[in-house]
Amino acid sequence: MNKTIFFGLLFVFMILIQVFILNNILFLGYVNPYLYIMFIFLYPLNKNRFVFLFLAFLLGLIIDFFSDSGGIHAFSTLFIAYIRLFFVRVYFNKFEVDFPFFRLNLEPFGKQFNYVVTLTVIHHFILFSFANFSFQNFSNVIINTIYSSIFTLIIYFLATFIFSKKQ
């Protein structure tokens, strides 16, 4: 399948899953998975960076529209989209010449795990910091970040395991 079509379908699929299924989950008052950030992890590095940042912003904005959250998803998604190249360099030791050949699913699991966990925790921390927006609720920010990150990561790794092709 053409990569452009695949990522277009992934974009739409992540929005539909997030809006119609995952936004309706609130377990124990703290846990709400945000699987739509999977698009950020899987988007190719060698594509136009402006288009990628625009798509990340648009993804967050659409989630904000359906969640009535006032732009916090757009900002947190755009932020992790902007800093992901730094973490690709840190965790995978890849540079711009390596970007056309980089595929996350071909990297060792430990490096994938560190990369995905770091970006997920950053995304969730920013998201819940803006949602609570006070130092009085800082413990709620940390609890929401930890629990939602764990739940998001479990769903992400299960989905990648189920849908990965056997080599």
N, C-alpha and C. Protein backbone atom coordinates (compact mmCIF):
# COMPACT_ATOMS: atom_id res chain seq x y z
N MET A 1 0.84 -1.17 0.00
CA MET A 1 0.00 0.00 0.00
C MET A 1 0.89 1.24 0.00
N ASN A 2 0.48 2.24 -0.71
CA ASN A 2 1.20 3.50 -0.78
C ASN A 2 1.30 4.11 0.63
N LYS A 3 2.48 4.63 0.98
CA LYS A 3 2.68 5.17 2.33
C LYS A 3 1.79 6.37 2.61
N THR A 4 1.55 7.20 1.62
CA THR A 4 0.70 8.37 1.82
C THR A 4 -0.72 7.94 2.16
N ILE A 5 -1.22 6.95 1.45
CA ILE A 5 -2.57 6.43 1.72
C ILE A 5 -2.61 5.78 3.10
N PHE A 6 -1.56 5.01 3.43
CA PHE A 6 -1.51 4.35 4.73
C PHE A 6 -1.55 5.36 5.87
N PHE A 7 -0.73 6.41 5.80
CA PHE A 7 -0.70 7.39 6.87
C PHE A 7 -1.95 8.27 6.88
N GLY A 8 -2.57 8.47 5.74
CA GLY A 8 -3.86 9.16 5.71
C GLY A 8 -4.93 8.35 6.40
N LEU A 9 -4.96 7.05 6.13
CA LEU A 9 -5.92 6.18 6.80
C LEU A 9 -5.61 6.05 8.29
N LEU A 10 -4.33 5.99 8.65
CA LEU A 10 -3.94 5.93 10.06
C LEU A 10 -4.39 7.19 10.78
N PHE A 11 -4.24 8.33 10.15
CA PHE A 11 -4.67 9.62 10.73
C PHE A 11 -6.16 9.58 11.04
N VAL A 12 -6.95 9.18 10.07
CA VAL A 12 -8.41 9.13 10.25
C VAL A 12 -8.79 8.06 11.27
N PHE A 13 -8.14 6.90 11.20
CA PHE A 13 -8.43 5.80 12.12
C PHE A 13 -8.12 6.20 13.56
N MET A 14 -7.00 6.86 13.79
CA MET A 14 -6.63 7.29 15.15
C MET A 14 -7.65 8.29 15.70
N ILE A 15 -8.13 9.18 14.84
CA ILE A 15 -9.15 10.14 15.29
C ILE A 15 -10.43 9.41 15.66
N LEU A 16 -10.88 8.50 14.80
CA LEU A 16 -12.14 7.78 15.06
C LEU A 16 -12.05 6.93 16.32
N ILE A 17 -10.95 6.22 16.50
CA ILE A 17 -10.78 5.39 17.70
C ILE A 17 -10.76 6.25 18.95
N GLN A 18 -10.03 7.36 18.89
CA GLN A 18 -9.92 8.23 20.06
C GLN A 18 -11.27 8.87 20.40
N VAL A 19 -11.95 9.40 19.40
CA VAL A 19 -13.17 10.16 19.64
C VAL A 19 -14.33 9.26 20.05
N PHE A 20 -14.50 8.15 19.36
CA PHE A 20 -15.69 7.34 19.60
C PHE A 20 -15.51 6.24 20.64
N ILE A 21 -14.30 5.83 20.92
CA ILE A 21 -14.09 4.74 21.89
C ILE A 21 -13.31 5.22 23.10
N LEU A 22 -12.09 5.69 22.88
CA LEU A 22 -11.19 5.95 24.00
C LEU A 22 -11.56 7.17 24.83
N ASN A 23 -12.18 8.18 24.23
CA ASN A 23 -12.61 9.34 25.01
C ASN A 23 -13.74 9.00 25.98
N ASN A 24 -14.40 7.88 25.76
CA ASN A 24 -15.49 7.47 26.63
C ASN A 24 -15.02 6.58 27.77
N ILE A 25 -13.72 6.33 27.86
CA ILE A 25 -13.17 5.52 28.94
C ILE A 25 -12.60 6.46 30.00
N LEU A 26 -13.06 6.32 31.21
CA LEU A 26 -12.48 7.03 32.34
C LEU A 26 -12.51 6.06 33.51
N PHE A 27 -11.43 5.33 33.67
CA PHE A 27 -11.34 4.27 34.67
C PHE A 27 -10.79 4.84 35.97
N LEU A 28 -11.52 4.65 37.07
CA LEU A 28 -11.14 5.10 38.41
C LEU A 28 -10.95 6.61 38.51
N GLY A 29 -11.49 7.36 37.59
CA GLY A 29 -11.39 8.81 37.63
C GLY A 29 -10.05 9.35 37.15
N TYR A 30 -9.08 8.52 36.86
CA TYR A 30 -7.75 8.97 36.48
C TYR A 30 -7.31 8.49 35.10
N VAL A 31 -7.75 7.34 34.71
CA VAL A 31 -7.19 6.68 33.54
C VAL A 31 -8.02 6.98 32.30
N ASN A 32 -7.38 7.63 31.34
CA ASN A 32 -7.99 7.87 30.05
C ASN A 32 -6.89 7.71 29.00
N PRO A 33 -6.97 6.67 28.16
CA PRO A 33 -5.91 6.46 27.17
C PRO A 33 -6.00 7.45 26.02
N TYR A 34 -4.84 7.86 25.54
CA TYR A 34 -4.75 8.77 24.40
C TYR A 34 -3.88 8.11 23.33
N LEU A 35 -4.49 7.18 22.62
CA LEU A 35 -3.76 6.39 21.63
C LEU A 35 -3.50 7.16 20.34
N TYR A 36 -4.16 8.29 20.14
CA TYR A 36 -3.99 9.04 18.89
C TYR A 36 -2.55 9.51 18.69
N ILE A 37 -1.75 9.58 19.76
CA ILE A 37 -0.36 10.01 19.61
C ILE A 37 0.48 8.95 18.90
N MET A 38 -0.08 7.77 18.69
CA MET A 38 0.60 6.73 17.93
C MET A 38 0.96 7.22 16.53
N PHE A 39 0.14 8.10 15.98
CA PHE A 39 0.42 8.68 14.67
C PHE A 39 1.75 9.41 14.67
N ILE A 40 2.06 10.11 15.75
CA ILE A 40 3.32 10.85 15.87
C ILE A 40 4.50 9.90 15.87
N PHE A 41 4.36 8.79 16.57
CA PHE A 41 5.46 7.82 16.67
C PHE A 41 5.76 7.17 15.32
N LEU A 42 4.72 6.88 14.56
CA LEU A 42 4.87 6.07 13.35
C LEU A 42 5.11 6.87 12.08
N TYR A 43 4.88 8.17 12.11
CA TYR A 43 5.04 8.98 10.92
C TYR A 43 6.52 8.99 10.49
N PRO A 44 6.79 8.81 9.20
CA PRO A 44 8.19 8.74 8.74
C PRO A 44 8.98 10.01 9.00
N LEU A 45 10.25 9.84 9.28
CA LEU A 45 11.11 10.98 9.58
C LEU A 45 11.55 11.73 8.33
N ASN A 46 11.55 11.06 7.19
CA ASN A 46 12.08 11.68 5.98
C ASN A 46 11.06 12.54 5.24
N LYS A 47 9.87 12.64 5.74
CA LYS A 47 8.85 13.46 5.09
C LYS A 47 9.06 14.92 5.46
N ASN A 48 8.36 15.80 4.75
CA ASN A 48 8.44 17.23 4.98
C ASN A 48 8.05 17.56 6.42
N ARG A 49 8.95 18.21 7.14
CA ARG A 49 8.73 18.49 8.57
C ARG A 49 7.57 19.46 8.78
N PHE A 50 7.40 20.44 7.91
CA PHE A 50 6.29 21.38 8.05
C PHE A 50 4.95 20.66 7.92
N VAL A 51 4.84 19.78 6.95
CA VAL A 51 3.60 19.02 6.77
C VAL A 51 3.33 18.15 7.99
N PHE A 52 4.37 17.53 8.53
CA PHE A 52 4.21 16.69 9.72
C PHE A 52 3.74 17.51 10.92
N LEU A 53 4.35 18.66 11.14
CA LEU A 53 3.94 19.51 12.26
C LEU A 53 2.51 20.01 12.08
N PHE A 54 2.15 20.32 10.85
CA PHE A 54 0.78 20.73 10.57
C PHE A 54 -0.20 19.60 10.84
N LEU A 55 0.15 18.39 10.41
CA LEU A 55 -0.72 17.23 10.66
C LEU A 55 -0.84 16.93 12.14
N ALA A 56 0.25 17.07 12.88
CA ALA A 56 0.21 16.84 14.33
C ALA A 56 -0.70 17.87 14.99
N PHE A 57 -0.56 19.14 14.59
CA PHE A 57 -1.43 20.18 15.13
C PHE A 57 -2.89 19.91 14.77
N LEU A 58 -3.14 19.54 13.52
CA LEU A 58 -4.50 19.25 13.07
C LEU A 58 -5.09 18.06 13.83
N LEU A 59 -4.28 17.05 14.06
CA LEU A 59 -4.72 15.88 14.82
C LEU A 59 -5.16 16.30 16.22
N GLY A 60 -4.32 17.06 16.90
CA GLY A 60 -4.67 17.53 18.23
C GLY A 60 -5.87 18.45 18.23
N LEU A 61 -5.97 19.30 17.22
CA LEU A 61 -7.09 20.23 17.12
C LEU A 61 -8.41 19.49 16.91
N ILE A 62 -8.40 18.45 16.11
CA ILE A 62 -9.61 17.66 15.89
C ILE A 62 -10.02 16.94 17.17
N ILE A 63 -9.04 16.40 17.89
CA ILE A 63 -9.34 15.76 19.17
C ILE A 63 -9.88 16.80 20.15
N ASP A 64 -9.30 18.00 20.15
CA ASP A 64 -9.81 19.08 20.99
C ASP A 64 -11.25 19.44 20.65
N PHE A 65 -11.55 19.48 19.37
CA PHE A 65 -12.89 19.83 18.93
C PHE A 65 -13.91 18.84 19.48
N PHE A 66 -13.60 17.56 19.39
CA PHE A 66 -14.53 16.54 19.86
C PHE A 66 -14.51 16.38 21.37
N SER A 67 -13.42 16.76 22.02
CA SER A 67 -13.31 16.64 23.47
C SER A 67 -13.70 17.92 24.19
N ASP A 68 -13.89 19.00 23.45
CA ASP A 68 -14.19 20.31 24.01
C ASP A 68 -13.15 20.70 25.06
N SER A 69 -11.89 20.63 24.65
CA SER A 69 -10.80 20.85 25.61
C SER A 69 -9.98 22.10 25.33
N GLY A 70 -10.35 22.90 24.39
CA GLY A 70 -9.77 24.22 24.23
C GLY A 70 -8.33 24.31 23.76
N GLY A 71 -7.82 23.36 23.07
CA GLY A 71 -6.49 23.47 22.48
C GLY A 71 -5.38 22.75 23.22
N ILE A 72 -5.67 22.07 24.32
CA ILE A 72 -4.58 21.41 25.06
C ILE A 72 -4.05 20.19 24.33
N HIS A 73 -4.89 19.49 23.61
CA HIS A 73 -4.42 18.35 22.81
C HIS A 73 -3.56 18.85 21.65
N ALA A 74 -3.98 19.94 21.03
CA ALA A 74 -3.22 20.49 19.90
C ALA A 74 -1.83 20.89 20.34
N PHE A 75 -1.73 21.57 21.47
CA PHE A 75 -0.42 22.01 21.95
C PHE A 75 0.46 20.82 22.34
N SER A 76 -0.08 19.89 23.11
CA SER A 76 0.75 18.77 23.57
C SER A 76 1.16 17.86 22.41
N THR A 77 0.30 17.68 21.44
CA THR A 77 0.64 16.87 20.27
C THR A 77 1.68 17.58 19.40
N LEU A 78 1.51 18.86 19.20
CA LEU A 78 2.49 19.62 18.42
C LEU A 78 3.84 19.64 19.12
N PHE A 79 3.85 19.72 20.44
CA PHE A 79 5.11 19.75 21.19
C PHE A 79 5.88 18.44 21.03
N ILE A 80 5.21 17.29 21.18
CA ILE A 80 5.95 16.02 21.04
C ILE A 80 6.34 15.78 19.58
N ALA A 81 5.55 16.30 18.64
CA ALA A 81 5.93 16.18 17.23
C ALA A 81 7.20 16.99 16.96
N TYR A 82 7.30 18.14 17.61
CA TYR A 82 8.46 19.01 17.40
C TYR A 82 9.73 18.41 18.03
N ILE A 83 9.62 17.81 19.20
CA ILE A 83 10.82 17.31 19.90
C ILE A 83 11.16 15.86 19.58
N ARG A 84 10.37 15.18 18.78
CA ARG A 84 10.63 13.76 18.55
C ARG A 84 11.97 13.50 17.86
N LEU A 85 12.43 14.40 16.99
CA LEU A 85 13.73 14.19 16.34
C LEU A 85 14.87 14.19 17.35
N PHE A 86 14.75 15.01 18.38
CA PHE A 86 15.76 15.00 19.44
C PHE A 86 15.85 13.62 20.08
N PHE A 87 14.71 13.02 20.37
CA PHE A 87 14.71 11.71 21.02
C PHE A 87 15.08 10.59 20.05
N VAL A 88 14.84 10.77 18.77
CA VAL A 88 15.33 9.80 17.79
C VAL A 88 16.86 9.81 17.78
N ARG A 89 17.43 10.99 17.86
CA ARG A 89 18.90 11.09 17.92
C ARG A 89 19.45 10.51 19.22
N VAL A 90 18.76 10.76 20.33
CA VAL A 90 19.24 10.29 21.63
C VAL A 90 19.11 8.77 21.76
N TYR A 91 17.93 8.24 21.49
CA TYR A 91 17.69 6.81 21.74
C TYR A 91 18.18 5.89 20.63
N PHE A 92 18.11 6.35 19.38
CA PHE A 92 18.45 5.48 18.27
C PHE A 92 19.76 5.83 17.60
N ASN A 93 20.36 6.94 18.01
CA ASN A 93 21.62 7.40 17.44
C ASN A 93 21.51 7.56 15.92
N LYS A 94 20.40 8.15 15.48
CA LYS A 94 20.15 8.37 14.06
C LYS A 94 20.30 9.86 13.76
N PHE A 95 20.79 10.13 12.57
CA PHE A 95 20.97 11.50 12.13
C PHE A 95 20.23 11.70 10.82
N GLU A 96 20.29 12.89 10.28
CA GLU A 96 19.47 13.22 9.13
C GLU A 96 19.70 12.30 7.92
N VAL A 97 20.91 11.82 7.74
CA VAL A 97 21.16 10.90 6.63
C VAL A 97 20.47 9.56 6.84
N ASP A 98 20.21 9.20 8.08
CA ASP A 98 19.56 7.92 8.39
C ASP A 98 18.04 7.99 8.33
N PHE A 99 17.47 9.18 8.31
CA PHE A 99 16.03 9.33 8.39
C PHE A 99 15.26 8.61 7.28
N PRO A 100 15.71 8.61 6.02
CA PRO A 100 14.93 7.89 5.00
C PRO A 100 14.84 6.38 5.25
N PHE A 101 15.76 5.83 6.01
CA PHE A 101 15.79 4.39 6.23
C PHE A 101 15.27 4.00 7.61
N PHE A 102 14.91 4.97 8.43
CA PHE A 102 14.47 4.70 9.79
C PHE A 102 13.03 4.20 9.82
N ARG A 103 12.84 3.07 10.50
CA ARG A 103 11.49 2.56 10.77
C ARG A 103 11.48 2.11 12.21
N LEU A 104 10.54 2.61 12.96
CA LEU A 104 10.48 2.34 14.39
C LEU A 104 10.35 0.86 14.68
N ASN A 105 9.56 0.14 13.90
CA ASN A 105 9.34 -1.27 14.18
C ASN A 105 10.56 -2.15 13.88
N LEU A 106 11.57 -1.61 13.22
CA LEU A 106 12.79 -2.38 12.95
C LEU A 106 13.86 -2.17 14.00
N GLU A 107 13.63 -1.26 14.92
CA GLU A 107 14.59 -0.98 15.98
C GLU A 107 14.40 -1.97 17.14
N PRO A 108 15.44 -2.15 17.97
CA PRO A 108 15.30 -3.05 19.12
C PRO A 108 14.19 -2.58 20.06
N PHE A 109 13.54 -3.55 20.71
CA PHE A 109 12.39 -3.23 21.54
C PHE A 109 12.74 -2.29 22.68
N GLY A 110 13.89 -2.44 23.28
CA GLY A 110 14.28 -1.57 24.40
C GLY A 110 14.35 -0.12 24.00
N LYS A 111 14.90 0.14 22.82
CA LYS A 111 14.99 1.51 22.33
C LYS A 111 13.60 2.05 21.97
N GLN A 112 12.79 1.20 21.34
CA GLN A 112 11.41 1.59 21.02
C GLN A 112 10.66 1.95 22.29
N PHE A 113 10.82 1.11 23.30
CA PHE A 113 10.12 1.30 24.57
C PHE A 113 10.51 2.64 25.20
N ASN A 114 11.80 2.92 25.27
CA ASN A 114 12.26 4.18 25.86
C ASN A 114 11.73 5.39 25.10
N TYR A 115 11.77 5.31 23.78
CA TYR A 115 11.31 6.41 22.93
C TYR A 115 9.81 6.67 23.12
N VAL A 116 9.02 5.62 23.05
CA VAL A 116 7.57 5.76 23.15
C VAL A 116 7.17 6.19 24.56
N VAL A 117 7.80 5.61 25.57
CA VAL A 117 7.47 5.99 26.95
C VAL A 117 7.80 7.45 27.21
N THR A 118 8.95 7.90 26.77
CA THR A 118 9.35 9.29 26.99
C THR A 118 8.38 10.26 26.35
N LEU A 119 8.07 10.05 25.08
CA LEU A 119 7.16 10.97 24.40
C LEU A 119 5.74 10.90 24.97
N THR A 120 5.31 9.72 25.37
CA THR A 120 3.98 9.57 25.96
C THR A 120 3.88 10.31 27.28
N VAL A 121 4.87 10.15 28.14
CA VAL A 121 4.85 10.81 29.44
C VAL A 121 4.92 12.33 29.26
N ILE A 122 5.74 12.81 28.34
CA ILE A 122 5.82 14.25 28.08
C ILE A 122 4.47 14.77 27.59
N HIS A 123 3.87 14.06 26.64
CA HIS A 123 2.56 14.46 26.12
C HIS A 123 1.53 14.53 27.23
N HIS A 124 1.45 13.48 28.01
CA HIS A 124 0.43 13.42 29.06
C HIS A 124 0.69 14.47 30.15
N PHE A 125 1.94 14.70 30.50
CA PHE A 125 2.24 15.69 31.51
C PHE A 125 1.81 17.09 31.06
N ILE A 126 2.11 17.42 29.82
CA ILE A 126 1.69 18.73 29.28
C ILE A 126 0.17 18.82 29.23
N LEU A 127 -0.45 17.75 28.75
CA LEU A 127 -1.90 17.72 28.63
C LEU A 127 -2.58 17.93 29.98
N PHE A 128 -2.17 17.18 30.99
CA PHE A 128 -2.82 17.30 32.30
C PHE A 128 -2.39 18.54 33.05
N SER A 129 -1.21 19.06 32.76
CA SER A 129 -0.81 20.33 33.38
C SER A 129 -1.69 21.46 32.90
N PHE A 130 -1.99 21.50 31.62
CA PHE A 130 -2.86 22.54 31.09
C PHE A 130 -4.32 22.30 31.48
N ALA A 131 -4.70 21.04 31.62
CA ALA A 131 -6.09 20.74 32.00
C ALA A 131 -6.36 21.19 33.43
N ASN A 132 -5.40 21.01 34.34
CA ASN A 132 -5.60 21.40 35.74
C ASN A 132 -5.16 22.83 35.99
N PHE A 133 -4.05 23.22 35.44
CA PHE A 133 -3.54 24.59 35.42
C PHE A 133 -3.49 25.26 36.80
N SER A 134 -3.02 24.52 37.80
CA SER A 134 -2.75 25.12 39.10
C SER A 134 -1.80 24.22 39.87
N PHE A 135 -1.01 24.84 40.75
CA PHE A 135 -0.09 24.06 41.56
C PHE A 135 -0.80 23.31 42.68
N GLN A 136 -2.02 23.70 43.00
CA GLN A 136 -2.78 23.00 44.02
C GLN A 136 -3.16 21.59 43.57
N ASN A 137 -3.31 21.42 42.28
CA ASN A 137 -3.69 20.12 41.72
C ASN A 137 -2.49 19.37 41.15
N PHE A 138 -1.28 19.70 41.58
CA PHE A 138 -0.10 19.08 41.00
C PHE A 138 -0.09 17.57 41.24
N SER A 139 -0.58 17.12 42.38
CA SER A 139 -0.64 15.68 42.64
C SER A 139 -1.60 15.00 41.66
N ASN A 140 -2.70 15.67 41.32
CA ASN A 140 -3.61 15.11 40.31
C ASN A 140 -2.95 15.05 38.94
N VAL A 141 -2.14 16.03 38.62
CA VAL A 141 -1.42 16.03 37.34
C VAL A 141 -0.50 14.82 37.27
N ILE A 142 0.25 14.59 38.34
CA ILE A 142 1.19 13.46 38.36
C ILE A 142 0.44 12.13 38.30
N ILE A 143 -0.62 12.00 39.09
CA ILE A 143 -1.39 10.74 39.11
C ILE A 143 -2.02 10.48 37.74
N ASN A 144 -2.66 11.51 37.18
CA ASN A 144 -3.26 11.35 35.84
C ASN A 144 -2.21 11.01 34.80
N THR A 145 -1.06 11.67 34.87
CA THR A 145 0.01 11.42 33.91
C THR A 145 0.50 9.97 34.00
N ILE A 146 0.76 9.51 35.20
CA ILE A 146 1.29 8.15 35.37
C ILE A 146 0.28 7.10 34.94
N TYR A 147 -0.93 7.19 35.46
CA TYR A 147 -1.93 6.16 35.15
C TYR A 147 -2.35 6.17 33.68
N SER A 148 -2.59 7.34 33.14
CA SER A 148 -2.99 7.40 31.73
C SER A 148 -1.84 6.99 30.81
N SER A 149 -0.61 7.32 31.18
CA SER A 149 0.54 6.90 30.38
C SER A 149 0.67 5.38 30.38
N ILE A 150 0.52 4.77 31.53
CA ILE A 150 0.61 3.31 31.61
C ILE A 150 -0.46 2.67 30.75
N PHE A 151 -1.69 3.14 30.87
CA PHE A 151 -2.79 2.57 30.10
C PHE A 151 -2.60 2.80 28.60
N THR A 152 -2.17 3.99 28.22
CA THR A 152 -1.90 4.29 26.81
C THR A 152 -0.80 3.38 26.27
N LEU A 153 0.27 3.21 27.05
CA LEU A 153 1.39 2.38 26.61
C LEU A 153 1.00 0.91 26.47
N ILE A 154 0.18 0.42 27.38
CA ILE A 154 -0.29 -0.97 27.27
C ILE A 154 -1.07 -1.16 25.98
N ILE A 155 -1.98 -0.24 25.71
CA ILE A 155 -2.77 -0.35 24.48
C ILE A 155 -1.89 -0.19 23.24
N TYR A 156 -0.93 0.73 23.29
CA TYR A 156 -0.03 0.94 22.15
C TYR A 156 0.78 -0.32 21.84
N PHE A 157 1.41 -0.88 22.87
CA PHE A 157 2.25 -2.05 22.63
C PHE A 157 1.43 -3.29 22.26
N LEU A 158 0.23 -3.43 22.79
CA LEU A 158 -0.65 -4.51 22.37
C LEU A 158 -1.04 -4.34 20.90
N ALA A 159 -1.38 -3.13 20.52
CA ALA A 159 -1.77 -2.87 19.13
C ALA A 159 -0.61 -3.12 18.17
N THR A 160 0.59 -2.68 18.54
CA THR A 160 1.73 -2.91 17.64
C THR A 160 2.09 -4.38 17.58
N PHE A 161 1.90 -5.10 18.68
CA PHE A 161 2.16 -6.54 18.66
C PHE A 161 1.15 -7.29 17.80
N ILE A 162 -0.12 -6.92 17.94
CA ILE A 162 -1.18 -7.60 17.19
C ILE A 162 -1.09 -7.30 15.70
N PHE A 163 -0.81 -6.04 15.33
CA PHE A 163 -0.84 -5.65 13.93
C PHE A 163 0.51 -5.70 13.24
N SER A 164 1.54 -6.13 13.94
CA SER A 164 2.86 -6.20 13.28
C SER A 164 2.94 -7.44 12.41
N LYS A 165 3.64 -7.29 11.31
CA LYS A 165 3.85 -8.41 10.41
C LYS A 165 4.98 -9.28 10.94
N LYS A 166 4.79 -10.55 10.84
CA LYS A 166 5.84 -11.48 11.25
C LYS A 166 6.93 -11.49 10.18
N GLN A 167 8.17 -11.30 10.60
CA GLN A 167 9.29 -11.25 9.66
C GLN A 167 9.72 -12.64 9.27
